[in-house]
Protein backbone atom coordinates (compact mmCIF):
# COMPACT_ATOMS: atom_id res chain seq x y z
CA UNK A 1 1.36 41.82 -13.73
CA UNK A 2 1.05 43.73 -10.44
CA UNK A 3 -1.14 42.51 -7.57
CA UNK A 4 -2.29 45.38 -5.42
CA UNK A 5 -5.32 47.24 -4.28
CA UNK A 6 -8.55 45.45 -3.15
CA UNK A 7 -9.89 42.13 -4.40
CA UNK A 8 -12.98 40.44 -3.09
CA UNK A 9 -12.80 36.69 -2.61
CA UNK A 10 -16.22 36.22 -4.03
CA UNK A 11 -18.80 33.59 -2.91
CA UNK A 12 -20.07 30.77 -5.16
CA UNK A 13 -23.76 30.85 -5.84
CA UNK A 14 -25.57 27.47 -6.02
CA UNK A 15 -28.78 26.41 -7.60
CA UNK A 16 -30.44 23.06 -7.50
CA UNK A 17 -27.30 21.53 -6.02
CA UNK A 18 -25.04 22.75 -8.69
CA UNK A 19 -23.15 25.85 -9.69
CA UNK A 20 -25.37 28.82 -10.88
CA UNK A 21 -23.25 30.08 -13.75
CA UNK A 22 -25.80 32.84 -14.63
CA UNK A 23 -25.81 34.11 -11.04
CA UNK A 24 -22.01 34.11 -10.94
CA UNK A 25 -21.78 36.08 -14.02
CA UNK A 26 -24.35 38.57 -12.91
CA UNK A 27 -22.53 39.02 -9.52
CA UNK A 28 -19.21 39.53 -11.30
CA UNK A 29 -20.72 42.19 -13.61
CA UNK A 30 -21.75 44.15 -10.50
CA UNK A 31 -18.39 43.86 -8.81
CA UNK A 32 -16.76 45.05 -12.01
CA UNK A 33 -18.88 48.27 -11.68
CA UNK A 34 -16.85 49.09 -8.62
CA UNK A 35 -13.21 50.07 -8.19
CA UNK A 36 -11.87 46.76 -7.12
CA UNK A 37 -8.62 45.52 -8.78
CA UNK A 38 -10.34 42.18 -9.77
CA UNK A 39 -11.77 39.24 -7.97
CA UNK A 40 -10.52 36.05 -6.33
CA UNK A 41 -12.61 32.88 -7.06
CA UNK A 42 -12.47 29.46 -5.31
CA UNK A 43 -10.98 30.75 -2.18
CA UNK A 44 -12.24 29.97 1.27
CA UNK A 45 -15.16 32.25 0.87
CA UNK A 46 -15.89 30.61 -2.41
CA UNK A 47 -16.49 27.31 -0.52
CA UNK A 48 -13.62 25.77 -2.67
CA UNK A 49 -13.05 22.75 -0.38
CA UNK A 50 -16.79 21.74 -0.92
CA UNK A 51 -16.45 21.74 -4.78
CA UNK A 52 -15.10 18.98 -7.01
CA UNK A 53 -12.67 19.82 -9.86
CA UNK A 54 -15.38 20.07 -12.59
CA UNK A 55 -17.39 22.47 -10.45
CA UNK A 56 -14.24 24.56 -9.73
CA UNK A 57 -13.49 24.79 -13.46
CA UNK A 58 -17.10 25.93 -14.08
CA UNK A 59 -16.83 28.65 -11.38
CA UNK A 60 -13.58 29.99 -12.73
CA UNK A 61 -14.75 29.97 -16.39
CA UNK A 62 -17.97 31.80 -15.40
CA UNK A 63 -16.13 34.54 -13.39
CA UNK A 64 -13.46 35.01 -15.96
CA UNK A 65 -15.92 35.69 -18.73
CA UNK A 66 -16.98 38.78 -16.69
CA UNK A 67 -13.58 40.16 -15.65
CA UNK A 68 -11.97 42.37 -18.19
CA UNK A 69 -8.37 41.79 -19.22
CA UNK A 70 -7.14 44.98 -17.33
CA UNK A 71 -8.37 43.56 -14.06
CA UNK A 72 -7.32 40.45 -12.18
CA UNK A 73 -9.03 37.09 -11.90
CA UNK A 74 -7.16 35.01 -9.24
CA UNK A 75 -8.13 31.45 -8.65
CA UNK A 76 -7.70 29.49 -5.52
CA UNK A 77 -6.29 25.97 -6.37
CA UNK A 78 -5.18 24.54 -2.96
CA UNK A 79 -5.31 20.72 -2.76
CA UNK A 80 -3.79 18.32 -0.18
CA UNK A 81 -1.30 16.79 -2.53
CA UNK A 82 1.27 18.56 -4.57
CA UNK A 83 0.50 16.62 -7.76
CA UNK A 84 -3.17 17.65 -7.54
CA UNK A 85 -2.33 21.19 -6.72
CA UNK A 86 0.05 21.46 -9.88
CA UNK A 87 -2.78 19.94 -12.04
CA UNK A 88 -5.21 22.40 -10.69
CA UNK A 89 -2.80 25.32 -11.38
CA UNK A 90 -2.46 24.25 -15.04
CA UNK A 91 -6.21 23.87 -15.39
CA UNK A 92 -6.68 27.44 -13.93
CA UNK A 93 -4.17 28.90 -16.23
CA UNK A 94 -5.92 27.27 -19.28
CA UNK A 95 -9.20 28.77 -18.06
CA UNK A 96 -7.76 32.22 -17.96
CA UNK A 97 -6.66 32.90 -14.35
CA UNK A 98 -4.00 35.56 -14.02
CA UNK A 99 -2.53 34.04 -10.96
CA UNK A 100 -3.28 31.17 -8.48
CA UNK A 101 -3.83 31.38 -4.75
CA UNK A 102 -2.38 28.26 -3.05
CA UNK A 103 -3.75 27.39 0.41
CA UNK A 104 -1.49 25.40 2.57
CA UNK A 105 -2.04 21.61 2.80
CA UNK A 106 -3.13 20.78 6.24
CA UNK A 107 -4.48 17.28 6.66
CA UNK A 108 -1.18 15.58 7.89
CA UNK A 109 -0.32 18.37 10.22
CA UNK A 110 2.40 16.71 12.20
CA UNK A 111 4.25 15.94 9.00
CA UNK A 112 4.00 19.33 7.37
CA UNK A 113 7.39 20.56 8.28
CA UNK A 114 9.12 23.71 6.86
CA UNK A 115 10.96 21.49 4.43
CA UNK A 116 7.60 19.91 3.33
CA UNK A 117 6.11 23.29 2.72
CA UNK A 118 9.11 24.47 0.69
CA UNK A 119 9.19 21.39 -1.49
CA UNK A 120 5.37 21.63 -1.97
CA UNK A 121 5.30 25.23 -3.01
CA UNK A 122 8.42 25.12 -5.10
CA UNK A 123 7.03 22.25 -7.12
CA UNK A 124 3.83 23.96 -7.66
CA UNK A 125 5.50 27.20 -8.71
CA UNK A 126 7.69 25.29 -11.13
CA UNK A 127 4.56 23.63 -12.74
CA UNK A 128 2.30 26.62 -12.75
CA UNK A 129 2.01 28.56 -16.03
CA UNK A 130 0.90 31.69 -13.98
CA UNK A 131 2.24 33.41 -10.89
CA UNK A 132 1.64 31.89 -7.51
CA UNK A 133 0.41 33.50 -4.25
CA UNK A 134 0.95 31.65 -1.04
CA UNK A 135 -2.11 31.43 1.25
CA UNK A 136 -1.84 31.21 4.95
CA UNK A 137 -5.01 30.74 6.99
CA UNK A 138 -4.05 29.30 10.26
CA UNK A 139 -7.41 29.83 11.84
CA UNK A 140 -8.95 27.33 9.47
CA UNK A 141 -6.05 24.96 8.62
CA UNK A 142 -4.16 24.72 11.89
CA UNK A 143 -0.82 25.13 10.13
CA UNK A 144 1.31 28.19 9.52
CA UNK A 145 3.92 29.27 7.11
CA UNK A 146 6.78 30.44 9.09
CA UNK A 147 8.48 33.69 8.12
CA UNK A 148 11.69 31.78 7.23
CA UNK A 149 9.73 29.46 5.01
CA UNK A 150 8.05 32.48 3.10
CA UNK A 151 11.42 34.22 2.94
CA UNK A 152 12.87 31.15 1.02
CA UNK A 153 9.80 30.71 -1.15
CA UNK A 154 9.97 34.36 -2.15
CA UNK A 155 13.20 33.76 -3.96
CA UNK A 156 11.33 31.62 -6.58
CA UNK A 157 10.62 33.80 -9.53
CA UNK A 158 7.07 32.50 -9.99
CA UNK A 159 6.03 33.08 -6.34
CA UNK A 160 4.96 36.67 -6.31
CA UNK A 161 3.19 37.17 -3.03
CA UNK A 162 1.06 35.83 -0.21
CA UNK A 163 -2.34 36.19 1.28
CA UNK A 164 -2.25 36.23 5.15
CA UNK A 165 -5.69 35.88 6.62
CA UNK A 166 -4.59 36.42 10.24
CA UNK A 167 -4.51 39.58 12.33
CA UNK A 168 -1.02 39.32 13.77
CA UNK A 169 0.60 42.56 12.73
CA UNK A 170 4.01 41.54 14.01
CA UNK A 171 3.85 38.53 11.67
CA UNK A 172 2.60 40.60 8.71
CA UNK A 173 5.38 43.11 9.38
CA UNK A 174 7.96 40.39 9.48
CA UNK A 175 6.72 38.92 6.17
CA UNK A 176 7.21 42.38 4.58
CA UNK A 177 10.60 42.91 5.99
CA UNK A 178 11.94 39.50 5.10
CA UNK A 179 10.81 39.22 1.51
CA UNK A 180 11.97 41.30 -1.62
CA UNK A 181 10.23 44.59 -2.51
CA UNK A 182 8.48 43.03 -5.45
CA UNK A 183 6.89 40.32 -3.31
CA UNK A 184 3.36 41.42 -2.14
CA UNK A 185 1.81 40.65 1.15
CA UNK A 186 -1.94 40.91 0.88
CA UNK A 187 -4.01 41.31 4.03
CA UNK A 188 -6.86 38.88 4.53
CA UNK A 189 -8.37 40.33 7.66
CA UNK A 190 -10.57 43.41 7.14
CA UNK A 191 -10.57 44.44 10.87
CA UNK A 192 -6.78 45.05 10.62
CA UNK A 193 -6.75 46.16 7.00
CA UNK A 194 -5.59 49.69 7.79
CA UNK A 195 -2.85 48.77 10.23
CA UNK A 196 -1.75 46.05 7.76
CA UNK A 197 -1.30 48.67 5.09
CA UNK A 198 0.75 50.72 7.53
CA UNK A 199 3.23 47.94 8.01
CA UNK A 200 3.65 47.35 4.34
CA UNK A 201 0.84 45.27 2.92
CA UNK A 202 0.16 45.89 -0.66
CA UNK A 203 -3.48 45.61 -0.44
CA UNK A 204 -6.21 43.23 0.65
CA UNK A 205 -8.12 40.14 -0.39
CA UNK A 206 -11.07 40.81 2.00
CA UNK A 207 -14.37 39.08 2.42
CA UNK A 208 -15.79 42.43 3.39
CA UNK A 209 -14.94 43.69 -0.16
CA UNK A 210 -17.57 41.42 -1.57
CA UNK A 211 -20.13 43.38 0.37
CA UNK A 212 -18.85 47.04 0.41
CA UNK A 213 -16.11 47.06 -2.31
CA UNK A 214 -15.89 50.70 -2.80
CA UNK A 215 -15.61 51.49 0.93
CA UNK A 216 -12.71 48.98 1.12
CA UNK A 217 -11.08 50.67 -1.83
CA UNK A 218 -11.62 54.10 -0.09
CA UNK A 219 -9.79 52.75 3.00
CA UNK A 220 -6.87 51.51 0.87
CA UNK A 221 -6.56 54.88 -0.88
CA UNK A 222 -6.87 56.86 2.25
CA UNK A 223 -3.98 54.81 3.84
CA UNK A 224 -1.86 54.98 0.69
CA UNK A 225 -2.18 58.75 0.39
CA UNK A 226 -1.45 59.43 4.12
CA UNK A 227 -4.80 60.56 5.07
CA UNK A 228 -4.55 58.61 8.30
CA UNK A 229 -7.24 60.31 10.47
CA UNK A 230 -9.89 59.69 7.90
CA UNK A 231 -8.57 56.11 7.42
CA UNK A 232 -8.91 55.35 11.13
CA UNK A 233 -12.49 56.58 11.15
CA UNK A 234 -13.40 54.39 8.20
CA UNK A 235 -11.63 51.33 9.68
CA UNK A 236 -13.68 51.72 12.92
CA UNK A 237 -16.85 52.03 10.86
CA UNK A 238 -16.15 48.97 8.82
CA UNK A 239 -14.90 46.64 11.52
CA UNK A 240 -18.36 45.59 12.88
CA UNK A 241 -19.64 44.39 9.59
CA UNK A 242 -16.37 42.80 8.80
CA UNK A 243 -16.62 40.77 12.02
CA UNK A 244 -20.12 39.57 11.15
CA UNK A 245 -19.19 38.19 7.68
CA UNK A 246 -16.06 36.61 8.89
CA UNK A 247 -15.41 35.53 12.47
CA UNK A 248 -19.07 35.59 13.72
CA UNK A 249 -21.11 34.01 10.86
CA UNK A 250 -18.33 33.20 8.35
CA UNK A 251 -19.27 32.20 4.74
CA UNK A 252 -23.02 31.91 5.54
CA UNK A 253 -22.89 35.43 6.89
CA UNK A 254 -21.08 36.66 3.75
CA UNK A 255 -23.66 35.14 1.47
CA UNK A 256 -26.50 36.57 3.59
CA UNK A 257 -24.85 40.08 3.38
CA UNK A 258 -24.50 40.08 -0.42
CA UNK A 259 -27.99 38.80 -0.71
CA UNK A 260 -29.15 41.79 1.37
CA UNK A 261 -27.61 44.02 -1.26
CA UNK A 262 -29.30 42.18 -4.24
CA UNK A 263 -26.57 39.92 -5.35
CA UNK A 264 -27.18 36.21 -5.97
CA UNK A 265 -25.80 34.86 -2.75
CA UNK A 266 -28.04 31.95 -1.90
CA UNK A 267 -27.46 29.46 0.84
CA UNK A 268 -24.04 27.83 1.55
CA UNK A 269 -23.42 24.22 0.67
CA UNK A 270 -24.10 21.58 3.22
CA UNK A 271 -22.76 20.86 5.79
CA UNK A 272 -22.54 24.68 6.20
CA UNK A 273 -25.91 26.03 7.41
CA UNK A 274 -27.61 29.41 6.62
CA UNK A 275 -27.34 32.37 9.06
CA UNK A 276 -30.31 32.37 11.58
CA UNK A 277 -32.72 35.16 11.36
CA UNK A 278 -31.18 37.09 14.22
CA UNK A 279 -27.83 37.03 12.26
CA UNK A 280 -29.42 38.44 9.24
CA UNK A 281 -30.84 41.17 11.37
CA UNK A 282 -27.49 42.03 12.79
CA UNK A 283 -25.92 42.10 9.25
CA UNK A 284 -28.78 44.38 8.08
CA UNK A 285 -28.26 46.71 11.16
CA UNK A 286 -24.49 46.91 10.37
CA UNK A 287 -25.19 47.80 6.76
CA UNK A 288 -27.52 50.45 7.88
CA UNK A 289 -24.88 51.92 10.29
CA UNK A 290 -22.78 52.43 7.11
CA UNK A 291 -25.70 54.26 5.44
CA UNK A 292 -26.36 51.24 3.15
CA UNK A 293 -29.97 50.15 2.61
CA UNK A 294 -30.55 46.45 2.46
CA UNK A 295 -33.09 44.54 0.37
CA UNK A 296 -35.46 41.81 1.30
CA UNK A 297 -34.57 39.23 -1.36
CA UNK A 298 -35.20 35.53 -1.89
CA UNK A 299 -33.20 33.34 0.45
CA UNK A 300 -32.69 36.01 3.12
CA UNK A 301 -35.06 36.09 6.02
């Protein structure tokens, strides 16, 4: 299995307080009509920390049913304890995940030393029936996987790569330089997707790819084929929308954006709050700047 290209970390649709499995399958069917390499479910953008284990299993099963075998279905399984993470990895594999994305524990920040992270991830990788991707998202967790830690973890045969959601190109470059050639670093920040590819990232797991998947694939292919002038132009065009669905409005913004395009986005789960009307207007304007006509659908102002 090779992890590369563009994968959207897809949002989780809710209905009546629970998981809307029909909406999830419908959304996945639409993403499978694009050129993405697969999908990531139960990531940060899937509101995974707000779901219980049963709901997480339901989301993964619904998504996996719509992802053909030649494309990837990667499941986020991050938990605070090593034992719970290992259990989640086994459940995800049983439900058909091709790989698991393991967010760093973060609650006991002062005690999460380099050794603690190494022990945690090594144990999870030993227990997981499918390959493991590390997941570093310092802006949300407040902790960071040091390059030395990643380098050590990359020696484990079942740890195949990492998603880095930050925009520090020096850090991304160091990750690439200090890990084996078959260890993939996936960019998680769309505003620096093109430069991340230039320093060796193997692709991207990008919230923006849930909204404009083919444009993100276009950027990936332009960079990989050396068409750098075109890639720079497209990166500049995509960055405003990328900011709106990540740093500005976050998950509620992502859900509003996909709803504008006719997906079943719906509202985020409380305590997250929907995007205000002016935010929806800004998202619509950014879509229009890309030549994409938005729709007025239920749940979007």
